Amino acid sequence: MNCNGVIRRVSSYIDGELAATVVEEIELHLKECRHCTIVVQQTKLTVSLYYDSDLVDFPMEVQARLHEKLRRKMREDRK
């Protein structure tokens, strides 16, 4: 497992949705990679902070800008 693999699976890892073999690979990587360990810890912290929060409705303009940025990022990642 490399950093890219961990980052792609971080949500599934935190949610406990991965096969035991994949979890083992991620945990081995986390023992060696401080960067990925921080990403996983910060993601867990963010989830715990916002888990019980009220939903916020973004203005349509903000939603449109966010969706466009996400679409652009997804296109870039496919290249």
Protein backbone atom coordinates (compact mmCIF):
# COMPACT_ATOMS: atom_id res chain seq x y z
CA MET A 1 0.00 0.00 0.00
CA ASN A 2 1.25 3.48 -0.84
CA CYS A 3 0.10 6.98 0.17
CA ASN A 4 -2.25 7.28 -2.79
CA GLY A 5 -3.94 4.00 -1.87
CA VAL A 6 -4.41 5.08 1.73
CA ILE A 7 -5.83 8.47 0.76
CA ARG A 8 -8.30 6.88 -1.68
CA ARG A 9 -9.53 4.51 1.04
CA VAL A 10 -9.41 6.75 4.11
CA SER A 11 -13.19 7.12 4.42
CA SER A 12 -13.84 3.41 3.97
CA TYR A 13 -11.03 2.64 6.42
CA ILE A 14 -12.47 4.93 9.08
CA ASP A 15 -15.99 3.58 8.49
CA GLY A 16 -14.78 -0.03 8.85
CA GLU A 17 -15.91 -0.99 5.36
CA LEU A 18 -12.69 -2.60 4.09
CA ALA A 19 -11.63 -6.22 3.98
CA ALA A 20 -9.28 -7.29 6.76
CA THR A 21 -6.40 -7.73 4.33
CA VAL A 22 -6.74 -4.15 3.07
CA VAL A 23 -6.97 -2.82 6.66
CA GLU A 24 -3.78 -4.71 7.46
CA GLU A 25 -2.00 -3.16 4.45
CA ILE A 26 -3.14 0.32 5.45
CA GLU A 27 -2.07 -0.14 9.05
CA LEU A 28 1.35 -1.38 7.97
CA HIS A 29 1.71 1.72 5.81
CA LEU A 30 0.56 3.98 8.64
CA LYS A 31 3.30 2.60 10.90
CA GLU A 32 5.88 3.87 8.40
CA CYS A 33 4.24 7.02 7.01
CA ARG A 34 3.74 10.01 9.27
CA HIS A 35 1.97 11.98 6.52
CA CYS A 36 -0.76 9.37 6.05
CA THR A 37 -1.08 8.87 9.79
CA ILE A 38 -1.78 12.59 10.17
CA VAL A 39 -4.32 12.50 7.33
CA VAL A 40 -6.18 9.59 8.95
CA GLN A 41 -6.08 11.20 12.40
CA GLN A 42 -7.28 14.56 11.09
CA THR A 43 -10.05 12.94 9.07
CA LYS A 44 -11.23 11.03 12.15
CA LEU A 45 -11.14 14.25 14.17
CA THR A 46 -13.11 16.14 11.52
CA VAL A 47 -15.75 13.41 11.38
CA SER A 48 -16.09 13.37 15.16
CA LEU A 49 -16.37 17.18 15.33
CA TYR A 50 -19.08 17.40 12.71
CA TYR A 51 -20.92 14.14 13.36
CA ASP A 52 -23.57 15.67 15.60
CA SER A 53 -23.62 19.10 13.96
CA ASP A 54 -26.65 20.56 12.30
CA LEU A 55 -26.66 20.54 8.52
CA VAL A 56 -25.90 23.85 6.87
CA ASP A 57 -27.52 24.95 3.64
CA PHE A 58 -25.01 26.68 1.40
CA PRO A 59 -26.22 29.40 -0.93
CA MET A 60 -26.75 28.16 -4.50
CA GLU A 61 -23.76 30.20 -5.72
CA VAL A 62 -21.46 28.47 -3.22
CA GLN A 63 -22.87 25.04 -4.14
CA ALA A 64 -22.31 25.74 -7.85
CA ARG A 65 -18.70 26.85 -7.27
CA LEU A 66 -18.00 23.82 -5.09
CA HIS A 67 -19.48 21.40 -7.63
CA GLU A 68 -17.48 22.98 -10.45
CA LYS A 69 -14.24 22.70 -8.47
CA LEU A 70 -14.99 19.06 -7.68
CA ARG A 71 -15.74 18.30 -11.34
CA ARG A 72 -12.48 19.96 -12.40
CA LYS A 73 -10.50 18.04 -9.78
CA MET A 74 -12.06 14.73 -10.85
CA ARG A 75 -11.18 15.43 -14.50
CA GLU A 76 -7.59 16.26 -13.52
CA ASP A 77 -7.27 13.09 -11.47
CA ARG A 78 -8.42 10.94 -14.41
CA LYS A 79 -5.58 12.20 -16.63
